[in-house]
Amino acid sequence: MNDFIFSLNSTIPIFFMILLGWFLKQKGWFNENFVSVANKYVFSVALPVLLFRDISSAPIMEVFNPKYVAFCAIVTSLMFWGIWFFSEIFIKDKTMIGAFVQASFRGSAAILGIAFIENIYGHSSMGPLMIISSVPLYNIYAVLVLTFRGNKQGSGSMKSALINIVKNPIILGILAGIPFSLLNVDFPAIADKCISNIAVTATPIALLCVGAGFEGKKALAKMKPTVAATLIKLWILPLIFLPFAAYFGFRGEGLIAILIMLGSPTTVSCYVMAKAMDNDAVLTSSIVVLATALSSISLTMWVFLLRSYSFI
């Protein structure tokens, strides 16, 4: 019951901000220009600073585990390429593939992960290691699929994908944070406060944009891919890969961090990136909404099962 209550406490505030964004758009207080500018701010400034803060303050070297890093990186790659492969076979509208693949494999590892682990164990040492292992790949792979399988079919090329990766502000924020973590740099109080003030704006503004960008009628027309992506994200990926994690000996908070990597709801940054890269933002927002709404049930179920078998 405690895990279920925590899951609700984690997901309901997120869902509330999405609903608030939708309501304010219906009232006319948010218009398309505001949402576009806000998305650009989150994508170019707030999210990179958030990831820089989280990674630069993480004690990577203290908990570094090559086996764990390799597992998270390999599984992230298998999720991405596997989903993209089957999407090419089963999705008829190829303009939806970029958004579908990104939303199906990319979870709230950075935003939800550490908080979820700390709620269960009181601390998080393996969470940052999972983030370092998976989040950079999340963003690199997202840029690849959004470049090659977006609304402008045929416009993607390896050169443009590489340029998008090099220029991607989220990836730059992650890479900038790694040296500060490795060198264990403590920022002066003023700098730390400035960074934190920017970082805390990322999630609420992004969630408001998801709600404002949610179009009910258009979303209903894309309900099948929305449900499919949500099932993949919350249930199918954990079902496939958690047994392998247990087989390789991962237990406790390390296994919970892997659960977050596999089965956390679709991250709000999927919508921000899909919008910024001219992909299917309607489909992405509907997946974020549905996955967030159902994740309190799915995460609680997975935690219950892992505890039942004494893995955590």
C-alpha atoms as a PDB file:
ATOM      1  CA  MET A   1       0.000   0.000   0.000  1.00  0.00           C
ATOM      2  CA  ASN A   2       2.862   2.398   0.819  1.00  0.00           C
ATOM      3  CA  ASP A   3       4.326   1.863  -2.654  1.00  0.00           C
ATOM      4  CA  PHE A   4       0.943   2.498  -4.259  1.00  0.00           C
ATOM      5  CA  ILE A   5       0.472   5.723  -2.268  1.00  0.00           C
ATOM      6  CA  PHE A   6       3.962   6.851  -3.239  1.00  0.00           C
ATOM      7  CA  SER A   7       3.256   6.076  -6.887  1.00  0.00           C
ATOM      8  CA  LEU A   8       0.096   8.175  -6.684  1.00  0.00           C
ATOM      9  CA  ASN A   9       2.012  10.980  -4.977  1.00  0.00           C
ATOM     10  CA  SER A  10       4.559  10.862  -7.808  1.00  0.00           C
ATOM     11  CA  THR A  11       2.146  10.703 -10.735  1.00  0.00           C
ATOM     12  CA  ILE A  12      -0.949  12.683  -9.693  1.00  0.00           C
ATOM     13  CA  PRO A  13       0.908  16.036  -9.401  1.00  0.00           C
ATOM     14  CA  ILE A  14       2.353  15.412 -12.880  1.00  0.00           C
ATOM     15  CA  PHE A  15      -1.082  14.589 -14.234  1.00  0.00           C
ATOM     16  CA  PHE A  16      -2.503  17.696 -12.538  1.00  0.00           C
ATOM     17  CA  MET A  17       0.012  19.975 -14.284  1.00  0.00           C
ATOM     18  CA  ILE A  18      -0.890  18.409 -17.634  1.00  0.00           C
ATOM     19  CA  LEU A  19      -4.592  19.007 -16.954  1.00  0.00           C
ATOM     20  CA  LEU A  20      -3.855  22.578 -15.899  1.00  0.00           C
ATOM     21  CA  GLY A  21      -2.024  23.233 -19.169  1.00  0.00           C
ATOM     22  CA  TRP A  22      -4.978  21.831 -21.136  1.00  0.00           C
ATOM     23  CA  PHE A  23      -7.456  23.928 -19.109  1.00  0.00           C
ATOM     24  CA  LEU A  24      -5.492  27.156 -19.570  1.00  0.00           C
ATOM     25  CA  LYS A  25      -5.306  26.512 -23.317  1.00  0.00           C
ATOM     26  CA  GLN A  26      -9.087  26.000 -23.450  1.00  0.00           C
ATOM     27  CA  LYS A  27      -9.598  29.258 -21.526  1.00  0.00           C
ATOM     28  CA  GLY A  28      -7.471  31.080 -24.076  1.00  0.00           C
ATOM     29  CA  TRP A  29      -4.784  32.066 -21.552  1.00  0.00           C
ATOM     30  CA  PHE A  30      -2.229  29.957 -23.425  1.00  0.00           C
ATOM     31  CA  ASN A  31      -1.978  30.394 -27.191  1.00  0.00           C
ATOM     32  CA  GLU A  32       0.071  28.577 -29.802  1.00  0.00           C
ATOM     33  CA  ASN A  33       2.837  31.186 -29.731  1.00  0.00           C
ATOM     34  CA  PHE A  34       3.235  30.913 -25.955  1.00  0.00           C
ATOM     35  CA  VAL A  35       3.383  27.114 -26.098  1.00  0.00           C
ATOM     36  CA  SER A  36       5.926  27.230 -28.931  1.00  0.00           C
ATOM     37  CA  VAL A  37       8.179  29.693 -27.088  1.00  0.00           C
ATOM     38  CA  ALA A  38       7.843  27.768 -23.803  1.00  0.00           C
ATOM     39  CA  ASN A  39       8.765  24.511 -25.543  1.00  0.00           C
ATOM     40  CA  LYS A  40      11.826  26.148 -27.031  1.00  0.00           C
ATOM     41  CA  TYR A  41      12.883  27.432 -23.603  1.00  0.00           C
ATOM     42  CA  VAL A  42      12.485  23.992 -22.001  1.00  0.00           C
ATOM     43  CA  PHE A  43      14.307  22.224 -24.837  1.00  0.00           C
ATOM     44  CA  SER A  44      17.172  24.698 -25.167  1.00  0.00           C
ATOM     45  CA  VAL A  45      17.669  25.904 -21.584  1.00  0.00           C
ATOM     46  CA  ALA A  46      15.734  24.315 -18.724  1.00  0.00           C
ATOM     47  CA  LEU A  47      16.085  20.584 -19.502  1.00  0.00           C
ATOM     48  CA  PRO A  48      19.826  20.793 -20.309  1.00  0.00           C
ATOM     49  CA  VAL A  49      20.427  22.678 -17.054  1.00  0.00           C
ATOM     50  CA  LEU A  50      18.315  20.146 -15.111  1.00  0.00           C
ATOM     51  CA  LEU A  51      20.345  17.218 -16.461  1.00  0.00           C
ATOM     52  CA  PHE A  52      23.611  19.108 -15.940  1.00  0.00           C
ATOM     53  CA  ARG A  53      22.677  19.706 -12.296  1.00  0.00           C
ATOM     54  CA  ASP A  54      21.621  16.113 -11.635  1.00  0.00           C
ATOM     55  CA  ILE A  55      24.667  14.551 -13.286  1.00  0.00           C
ATOM     56  CA  SER A  56      27.287  17.024 -12.018  1.00  0.00           C
ATOM     57  CA  SER A  57      26.146  16.390  -8.437  1.00  0.00           C
ATOM     58  CA  ALA A  58      26.006  12.585  -8.788  1.00  0.00           C
ATOM     59  CA  PRO A  59      28.835  10.564  -7.134  1.00  0.00           C
ATOM     60  CA  ILE A  60      29.561   8.515 -10.250  1.00  0.00           C
ATOM     61  CA  MET A  61      33.026   7.257  -9.304  1.00  0.00           C
ATOM     62  CA  GLU A  62      31.931   6.152  -5.836  1.00  0.00           C
ATOM     63  CA  VAL A  63      29.403   3.656  -7.197  1.00  0.00           C
ATOM     64  CA  PHE A  64      30.856   2.915 -10.646  1.00  0.00           C
ATOM     65  CA  ASN A  65      30.095  -0.653 -11.722  1.00  0.00           C
ATOM     66  CA  PRO A  66      31.169  -1.620 -15.270  1.00  0.00           C
ATOM     67  CA  LYS A  67      28.792  -4.604 -15.378  1.00  0.00           C
ATOM     68  CA  TYR A  68      25.846  -2.429 -14.367  1.00  0.00           C
ATOM     69  CA  VAL A  69      26.714   0.346 -16.823  1.00  0.00           C
ATOM     70  CA  ALA A  70      27.114  -2.163 -19.664  1.00  0.00           C
ATOM     71  CA  PHE A  71      23.786  -3.833 -18.851  1.00  0.00           C
ATOM     72  CA  CYS A  72      21.857  -0.537 -18.803  1.00  0.00           C
ATOM     73  CA  ALA A  73      23.482   0.672 -22.030  1.00  0.00           C
ATOM     74  CA  ILE A  74      22.928  -2.622 -23.880  1.00  0.00           C
ATOM     75  CA  VAL A  75      19.295  -2.944 -22.762  1.00  0.00           C
ATOM     76  CA  THR A  76      18.584   0.680 -23.725  1.00  0.00           C
ATOM     77  CA  SER A  77      20.002  -0.049 -27.189  1.00  0.00           C
ATOM     78  CA  LEU A  78      18.016  -3.282 -27.550  1.00  0.00           C
ATOM     79  CA  MET A  79      14.798  -1.511 -26.552  1.00  0.00           C
ATOM     80  CA  PHE A  80      15.314   1.240 -29.080  1.00  0.00           C
ATOM     81  CA  TRP A  81      16.360  -0.836 -32.084  1.00  0.00           C
ATOM     82  CA  GLY A  82      13.792  -3.535 -31.366  1.00  0.00           C
ATOM     83  CA  ILE A  83      10.894  -1.089 -31.139  1.00  0.00           C
ATOM     84  CA  TRP A  84      12.030   0.748 -34.274  1.00  0.00           C
ATOM     85  CA  PHE A  85      12.337  -2.541 -36.195  1.00  0.00           C
ATOM     86  CA  PHE A  86       8.799  -3.687 -35.341  1.00  0.00           C
ATOM     87  CA  SER A  87       7.378  -0.188 -35.853  1.00  0.00           C
ATOM     88  CA  GLU A  88       8.589  -0.222 -39.445  1.00  0.00           C
ATOM     89  CA  ILE A  89       6.672  -3.464 -39.952  1.00  0.00           C
ATOM     90  CA  PHE A  90       3.394  -2.709 -38.182  1.00  0.00           C
ATOM     91  CA  ILE A  91       2.854   1.074 -38.424  1.00  0.00           C
ATOM     92  CA  LYS A  92       1.360   2.085 -41.754  1.00  0.00           C
ATOM     93  CA  ASP A  93       1.649   5.856 -41.285  1.00  0.00           C
ATOM     94  CA  LYS A  94       5.416   6.259 -41.377  1.00  0.00           C
ATOM     95  CA  THR A  95       5.239   9.865 -40.120  1.00  0.00           C
ATOM     96  CA  MET A  96       4.195   8.497 -36.712  1.00  0.00           C
ATOM     97  CA  ILE A  97       7.176   6.180 -36.313  1.00  0.00           C
ATOM     98  CA  GLY A  98       9.588   8.761 -34.863  1.00  0.00           C
ATOM     99  CA  ALA A  99       7.197   9.856 -32.135  1.00  0.00           C
ATOM    100  CA  PHE A 100       5.997   6.298 -31.442  1.00  0.00           C
ATOM    101  CA  VAL A 101       9.483   4.818 -31.062  1.00  0.00           C
ATOM    102  CA  GLN A 102      10.738   7.649 -28.862  1.00  0.00           C
ATOM    103  CA  ALA A 103       7.706   7.536 -26.553  1.00  0.00           C
ATOM    104  CA  SER A 104       7.798   3.724 -26.324  1.00  0.00           C
ATOM    105  CA  PHE A 105      11.370   3.328 -25.074  1.00  0.00           C
ATOM    106  CA  ARG A 106      12.228   6.609 -23.337  1.00  0.00           C
ATOM    107  CA  GLY A 107      11.104   6.881 -19.714  1.00  0.00           C
ATOM    108  CA  SER A 108      11.337   9.381 -16.874  1.00  0.00           C
ATOM    109  CA  ALA A 109      14.672   8.030 -15.664  1.00  0.00           C
ATOM    110  CA  ALA A 110      16.122  11.389 -14.656  1.00  0.00           C
ATOM    111  CA  ILE A 111      12.934  13.053 -13.405  1.00  0.00           C
ATOM    112  CA  LEU A 112      11.270  10.166 -11.544  1.00  0.00           C
ATOM    113  CA  GLY A 113      14.096   7.697 -10.999  1.00  0.00           C
ATOM    114  CA  ILE A 114      16.062   9.081  -8.073  1.00  0.00           C
ATOM    115  CA  ALA A 115      12.925  10.180  -6.207  1.00  0.00           C
ATOM    116  CA  PHE A 116      11.401   6.699  -6.535  1.00  0.00           C
ATOM    117  CA  ILE A 117      14.557   4.945  -5.300  1.00  0.00           C
ATOM    118  CA  GLU A 118      14.984   7.345  -2.360  1.00  0.00           C
ATOM    119  CA  ASN A 119      11.387   6.708  -1.294  1.00  0.00           C
ATOM    120  CA  ILE A 120      12.111   2.976  -0.957  1.00  0.00           C
ATOM    121  CA  TYR A 121      15.710   2.991   0.316  1.00  0.00           C
ATOM    122  CA  GLY A 122      16.198   6.495   1.757  1.00  0.00           C
ATOM    123  CA  HIS A 123      19.127   7.169  -0.566  1.00  0.00           C
ATOM    124  CA  SER A 124      20.092   6.712  -4.200  1.00  0.00           C
ATOM    125  CA  SER A 125      23.572   5.623  -5.214  1.00  0.00           C
ATOM    126  CA  MET A 126      22.729   3.454  -8.238  1.00  0.00           C
ATOM    127  CA  GLY A 127      20.141   5.848  -9.693  1.00  0.00           C
ATOM    128  CA  PRO A 128      22.726   8.335 -11.017  1.00  0.00           C
ATOM    129  CA  LEU A 129      24.727   5.437 -12.491  1.00  0.00           C
ATOM    130  CA  MET A 130      21.636   4.250 -14.377  1.00  0.00           C
ATOM    131  CA  ILE A 131      21.042   7.806 -15.605  1.00  0.00           C
ATOM    132  CA  ILE A 132      24.614   8.125 -16.874  1.00  0.00           C
ATOM    133  CA  SER A 133      24.282   4.756 -18.641  1.00  0.00           C
ATOM    134  CA  SER A 134      20.907   5.276 -20.310  1.00  0.00           C
ATOM    135  CA  VAL A 135      19.887   8.942 -20.586  1.00  0.00           C
ATOM    136  CA  PRO A 136      22.633   9.989 -23.054  1.00  0.00           C
ATOM    137  CA  LEU A 137      21.605   7.040 -25.249  1.00  0.00           C
ATOM    138  CA  TYR A 138      17.928   7.991 -24.840  1.00  0.00           C
ATOM    139  CA  ASN A 139      18.660  11.347 -26.383  1.00  0.00           C
ATOM    140  CA  ILE A 140      21.063  10.172 -29.094  1.00  0.00           C
ATOM    141  CA  TYR A 141      18.624   7.494 -30.249  1.00  0.00           C
ATOM    142  CA  ALA A 142      15.692   9.905 -30.031  1.00  0.00           C
ATOM    143  CA  VAL A 143      17.494  12.358 -32.311  1.00  0.00           C
ATOM    144  CA  LEU A 144      18.213   9.540 -34.774  1.00  0.00           C
ATOM    145  CA  VAL A 145      14.638   8.294 -35.070  1.00  0.00           C
ATOM    146  CA  LEU A 146      13.095  11.773 -35.027  1.00  0.00           C
ATOM    147  CA  THR A 147      15.470  12.833 -37.814  1.00  0.00           C
ATOM    148  CA  PHE A 148      14.847   9.827 -40.050  1.00  0.00           C
ATOM    149  CA  ARG A 149      11.177   9.141 -39.239  1.00  0.00           C
ATOM    150  CA  GLY A 150       9.451  12.477 -38.712  1.00  0.00           C
ATOM    151  CA  ASN A 151       6.796  14.506 -40.465  1.00  0.00           C
ATOM    152  CA  LYS A 152       9.166  15.392 -43.307  1.00  0.00           C
ATOM    153  CA  GLN A 153       9.717  11.965 -44.780  1.00  0.00           C
ATOM    154  CA  GLY A 154      12.864  11.590 -46.835  1.00  0.00           C
ATOM    155  CA  SER A 155      14.531  14.669 -45.337  1.00  0.00           C
ATOM    156  CA  GLY A 156      16.634  12.709 -42.847  1.00  0.00           C
ATOM    157  CA  SER A 157      20.233  11.739 -43.503  1.00  0.00           C
ATOM    158  CA  MET A 158      23.106  10.463 -41.404  1.00  0.00           C
ATOM    159  CA  LYS A 159      24.820  13.830 -41.732  1.00  0.00           C
ATOM    160  CA  SER A 160      21.752  15.723 -40.479  1.00  0.00           C
ATOM    161  CA  ALA A 161      21.303  13.179 -37.666  1.00  0.00           C
ATOM    162  CA  LEU A 162      24.900  13.653 -36.527  1.00  0.00           C
ATOM    163  CA  ILE A 163      24.511  17.422 -36.683  1.00  0.00           C
ATOM    164  CA  ASN A 164      21.323  17.194 -34.621  1.00  0.00           C
ATOM    165  CA  ILE A 165      23.100  15.012 -32.045  1.00  0.00           C
ATOM    166  CA  VAL A 166      26.073  17.371 -31.764  1.00  0.00           C
ATOM    167  CA  LYS A 167      23.794  20.410 -31.487  1.00  0.00           C
ATOM    168  CA  ASN A 168      21.196  18.816 -29.197  1.00  0.00           C
ATOM    169  CA  PRO A 169      21.060  20.960 -26.018  1.00  0.00           C
ATOM    170  CA  ILE A 170      19.968  18.025 -23.824  1.00  0.00           C
ATOM    171  CA  ILE A 171      22.940  15.905 -24.889  1.00  0.00           C
ATOM    172  CA  LEU A 172      25.263  18.887 -24.372  1.00  0.00           C
ATOM    173  CA  GLY A 173      23.869  19.357 -20.859  1.00  0.00           C
ATOM    174  CA  ILE A 174      24.565  15.702 -20.026  1.00  0.00           C
ATOM    175  CA  LEU A 175      28.104  15.790 -21.431  1.00  0.00           C
ATOM    176  CA  ALA A 176      28.867  19.048 -19.619  1.00  0.00           C
ATOM    177  CA  GLY A 177      27.841  17.549 -16.282  1.00  0.00           C
ATOM    178  CA  ILE A 178      30.045  14.433 -16.456  1.00  0.00           C
ATOM    179  CA  PRO A 179      33.456  16.151 -15.869  1.00  0.00           C
ATOM    180  CA  PHE A 180      32.091  18.024 -12.834  1.00  0.00           C
ATOM    181  CA  SER A 181      30.870  14.721 -11.380  1.00  0.00           C
ATOM    182  CA  LEU A 182      34.149  12.920 -12.065  1.00  0.00           C
ATOM    183  CA  LEU A 183      36.151  15.771 -10.509  1.00  0.00           C
ATOM    184  CA  ASN A 184      33.675  16.066  -7.601  1.00  0.00           C
ATOM    185  CA  VAL A 185      33.357  19.833  -8.077  1.00  0.00           C
ATOM    186  CA  ASP A 186      31.318  21.779  -5.514  1.00  0.00           C
ATOM    187  CA  PHE A 187      29.747  24.899  -6.986  1.00  0.00           C
ATOM    188  CA  PRO A 188      29.718  28.130  -4.971  1.00  0.00           C
ATOM    189  CA  ALA A 189      26.378  28.737  -3.245  1.00  0.00           C
ATOM    190  CA  ILE A 190      25.429  31.534  -5.653  1.00  0.00           C
ATOM    191  CA  ALA A 191      26.145  29.455  -8.774  1.00  0.00           C
ATOM    192  CA  ASP A 192      24.372  26.431  -7.284  1.00  0.00           C
ATOM    193  CA  LYS A 193      21.279  28.497  -6.523  1.00  0.00           C
ATOM    194  CA  CYS A 194      21.214  30.000 -10.030  1.00  0.00           C
ATOM    195  CA  ILE A 195      21.507  26.555 -11.635  1.00  0.00           C
ATOM    196  CA  SER A 196      18.783  25.135  -9.392  1.00  0.00           C
ATOM    197  CA  ASN A 197      16.418  28.031 -10.106  1.00  0.00           C
ATOM    198  CA  ILE A 198      16.610  27.302 -13.827  1.00  0.00           C
ATOM    199  CA  ALA A 199      16.496  23.518 -13.401  1.00  0.00           C
ATOM    200  CA  VAL A 200      13.286  23.512 -11.347  1.00  0.00           C
ATOM    201  CA  THR A 201      11.412  25.290 -14.139  1.00  0.00           C
ATOM    202  CA  ALA A 202      11.942  22.447 -16.631  1.00  0.00           C
ATOM    203  CA  THR A 203       9.359  19.914 -15.502  1.00  0.00           C
ATOM    204  CA  PRO A 204       6.375  22.175 -14.658  1.00  0.00           C
ATOM    205  CA  ILE A 205       6.678  24.247 -17.828  1.00  0.00           C
ATOM    206  CA  ALA A 206       7.133  21.137 -19.967  1.00  0.00           C
ATOM    207  CA  LEU A 207       4.060  19.528 -18.376  1.00  0.00           C
ATOM    208  CA  LEU A 208       1.976  22.637 -18.977  1.00  0.00           C
ATOM    209  CA  CYS A 209       3.067  22.515 -22.619  1.00  0.00           C
ATOM    210  CA  VAL A 210       2.064  18.848 -22.881  1.00  0.00           C
ATOM    211  CA  GLY A 211      -1.406  19.708 -21.589  1.00  0.00           C
ATOM    212  CA  ALA A 212      -1.715  22.759 -23.807  1.00  0.00           C
ATOM    213  CA  GLY A 213      -0.634  20.711 -26.814  1.00  0.00           C
ATOM    214  CA  PHE A 214      -3.058  17.874 -26.085  1.00  0.00           C
ATOM    215  CA  GLU A 215      -5.802  17.796 -28.723  1.00  0.00           C
ATOM    216  CA  GLY A 216      -8.544  15.398 -27.674  1.00  0.00           C
ATOM    217  CA  LYS A 217     -10.164  14.763 -31.055  1.00  0.00           C
ATOM    218  CA  LYS A 218      -6.858  14.245 -32.833  1.00  0.00           C
ATOM    219  CA  ALA A 219      -5.621  12.065 -29.958  1.00  0.00           C
ATOM    220  CA  LEU A 220      -8.696   9.825 -30.204  1.00  0.00           C
ATOM    221  CA  ALA A 221      -7.863   9.221 -33.850  1.00  0.00           C
ATOM    222  CA  LYS A 222      -4.463   7.930 -32.705  1.00  0.00           C
ATOM    223  CA  MET A 223      -5.693   5.864 -29.772  1.00  0.00           C
ATOM    224  CA  LYS A 224      -4.369   2.529 -31.086  1.00  0.00           C
ATOM    225  CA  PRO A 225      -0.710   3.622 -31.298  1.00  0.00           C
ATOM    226  CA  THR A 226      -1.138   5.480 -27.995  1.00  0.00           C
ATOM    227  CA  VAL A 227      -2.330   2.335 -26.206  1.00  0.00           C
ATOM    228  CA  ALA A 228       0.318   0.202 -27.926  1.00  0.00           C
ATOM    229  CA  ALA A 229       3.150   2.533 -26.886  1.00  0.00           C
ATOM    230  CA  THR A 230       1.837   2.690 -23.312  1.00  0.00           C
ATOM    231  CA  LEU A 231       1.659  -1.103 -23.048  1.00  0.00           C
ATOM    232  CA  ILE A 232       5.197  -1.397 -24.397  1.00  0.00           C
ATOM    233  CA  LYS A 233       6.555   1.236 -22.016  1.00  0.00           C
ATOM    234  CA  LEU A 234       4.853   0.158 -18.795  1.00  0.00           C
ATOM    235  CA  TRP A 235       4.498  -3.605 -19.112  1.00  0.00           C
ATOM    236  CA  ILE A 236       6.179  -5.292 -22.078  1.00  0.00           C
ATOM    237  CA  LEU A 237       9.712  -3.884 -21.630  1.00  0.00           C
ATOM    238  CA  PRO A 238       9.877  -4.730 -17.890  1.00  0.00           C
ATOM    239  CA  LEU A 239       8.420  -8.175 -18.605  1.00  0.00           C
ATOM    240  CA  ILE A 240      11.169  -8.895 -21.139  1.00  0.00           C
ATOM    241  CA  PHE A 241      14.216  -7.389 -19.428  1.00  0.00           C
ATOM    242  CA  LEU A 242      13.658  -7.573 -15.637  1.00  0.00           C
ATOM    243  CA  PRO A 243      14.250 -11.358 -15.613  1.00  0.00           C
ATOM    244  CA  PHE A 244      17.609 -10.774 -17.305  1.00  0.00           C
ATOM    245  CA  ALA A 245      18.497  -8.126 -14.707  1.00  0.00           C
ATOM    246  CA  ALA A 246      17.692 -10.589 -11.924  1.00  0.00           C
ATOM    247  CA  TYR A 247      19.658 -13.349 -13.702  1.00  0.00           C
ATOM    248  CA  PHE A 248      22.766 -11.136 -13.868  1.00  0.00           C
ATOM    249  CA  GLY A 249      22.572 -10.637 -10.117  1.00  0.00           C
ATOM    250  CA  PHE A 250      21.254  -7.093  -9.766  1.00  0.00           C
ATOM    251  CA  ARG A 251      19.334  -6.594  -6.535  1.00  0.00           C
ATOM    252  CA  GLY A 252      17.991  -3.868  -4.270  1.00  0.00           C
ATOM    253  CA  GLU A 253      18.170  -0.281  -5.418  1.00  0.00           C
ATOM    254  CA  GLY A 254      20.168  -1.289  -8.496  1.00  0.00           C
ATOM    255  CA  LEU A 255      17.240  -3.407  -9.664  1.00  0.00           C
ATOM    256  CA  ILE A 256      14.756  -0.641  -8.823  1.00  0.00           C
ATOM    257  CA  ALA A 257      16.816   1.769 -10.937  1.00  0.00           C
ATOM    258  CA  ILE A 258      16.620  -0.712 -13.822  1.00  0.00           C
ATOM    259  CA  LEU A 259      12.852  -0.960 -13.288  1.00  0.00           C
ATOM    260  CA  ILE A 260      12.634   2.830 -13.620  1.00  0.00           C
ATOM    261  CA  MET A 261      14.725   2.684 -16.796  1.00  0.00           C
ATOM    262  CA  LEU A 262      12.397   0.059 -18.251  1.00  0.00           C
ATOM    263  CA  GLY A 263       8.936   0.828 -16.897  1.00  0.00           C
ATOM    264  CA  SER A 264       8.686   4.470 -15.866  1.00  0.00           C
ATOM    265  CA  PRO A 265       6.097   6.543 -17.762  1.00  0.00           C
ATOM    266  CA  THR A 266       7.089   8.258 -20.991  1.00  0.00           C
ATOM    267  CA  THR A 267       9.123  11.310 -20.082  1.00  0.00           C
ATOM    268  CA  VAL A 268       7.768  14.779 -20.768  1.00  0.00           C
ATOM    269  CA  SER A 269      10.970  15.607 -22.665  1.00  0.00           C
ATOM    270  CA  CYS A 270       9.687  13.310 -25.436  1.00  0.00           C
ATOM    271  CA  TYR A 271       6.990  15.868 -26.183  1.00  0.00           C
ATOM    272  CA  VAL A 272       9.448  18.746 -25.978  1.00  0.00           C
ATOM    273  CA  MET A 273      11.842  17.065 -28.420  1.00  0.00           C
ATOM    274  CA  ALA A 274       9.115  15.844 -30.781  1.00  0.00           C
ATOM    275  CA  LYS A 275       7.717  19.376 -30.979  1.00  0.00           C
ATOM    276  CA  ALA A 276      11.149  20.933 -31.451  1.00  0.00           C
ATOM    277  CA  MET A 277      12.072  18.476 -34.226  1.00  0.00           C
ATOM    278  CA  ASP A 278       8.777  18.727 -36.137  1.00  0.00           C
ATOM    279  CA  ASN A 279       7.461  15.273 -35.280  1.00  0.00           C
ATOM    280  CA  ASP A 280       4.044  14.008 -34.184  1.00  0.00           C
ATOM    281  CA  ALA A 281       3.475  16.067 -31.030  1.00  0.00           C
ATOM    282  CA  VAL A 282      -0.203  15.038 -30.790  1.00  0.00           C
ATOM    283  CA  LEU A 283       0.667  11.345 -30.572  1.00  0.00           C
ATOM    284  CA  THR A 284       3.506  12.056 -28.150  1.00  0.00           C
ATOM    285  CA  SER A 285       1.346  14.116 -25.797  1.00  0.00           C
ATOM    286  CA  SER A 286      -1.390  11.477 -25.737  1.00  0.00           C
ATOM    287  CA  ILE A 287       1.173   8.762 -24.878  1.00  0.00           C
ATOM    288  CA  VAL A 288       2.646  10.911 -22.095  1.00  0.00           C
ATOM    289  CA  VAL A 289      -0.837  11.489 -20.647  1.00  0.00           C
ATOM    290  CA  LEU A 290      -1.932   7.839 -20.754  1.00  0.00           C
ATOM    291  CA  ALA A 291       1.390   6.402 -19.557  1.00  0.00           C
ATOM    292  CA  THR A 292       1.499   8.859 -16.656  1.00  0.00           C
ATOM    293  CA  ALA A 293      -2.083   8.024 -15.665  1.00  0.00           C
ATOM    294  CA  LEU A 294      -1.429   4.254 -15.614  1.00  0.00           C
ATOM    295  CA  SER A 295       2.115   4.223 -14.235  1.00  0.00           C
ATOM    296  CA  SER A 296       1.073   4.362 -10.580  1.00  0.00           C
ATOM    297  CA  ILE A 297      -0.629   0.988 -11.092  1.00  0.00           C
ATOM    298  CA  SER A 298       2.116  -0.607 -13.209  1.00  0.00           C
ATOM    299  CA  LEU A 299       5.072   0.526 -11.068  1.00  0.00           C
ATOM    300  CA  THR A 300       3.338  -0.625  -7.895  1.00  0.00           C
ATOM    301  CA  MET A 301       2.682  -4.007  -9.517  1.00  0.00           C
ATOM    302  CA  TRP A 302       6.336  -4.432 -10.502  1.00  0.00           C
ATOM    303  CA  VAL A 303       7.596  -3.385  -7.051  1.00  0.00           C
ATOM    304  CA  PHE A 304       5.175  -5.864  -5.437  1.00  0.00           C
ATOM    305  CA  LEU A 305       6.386  -8.689  -7.682  1.00  0.00           C
ATOM    306  CA  LEU A 306      10.068  -7.909  -7.078  1.00  0.00           C
ATOM    307  CA  ARG A 307       9.468  -7.850  -3.323  1.00  0.00           C
ATOM    308  CA  SER A 308       7.470 -11.070  -3.461  1.00  0.00           C
ATOM    309  CA  TYR A 309      10.470 -12.853  -4.984  1.00  0.00           C
ATOM    310  CA  SER A 310      12.920 -11.150  -2.554  1.00  0.00           C
ATOM    311  CA  PHE A 311      14.768  -9.305  -5.305  1.00  0.00           C
ATOM    312  CA  ILE A 312      14.449  -5.956  -3.504  1.00  0.00           C
END
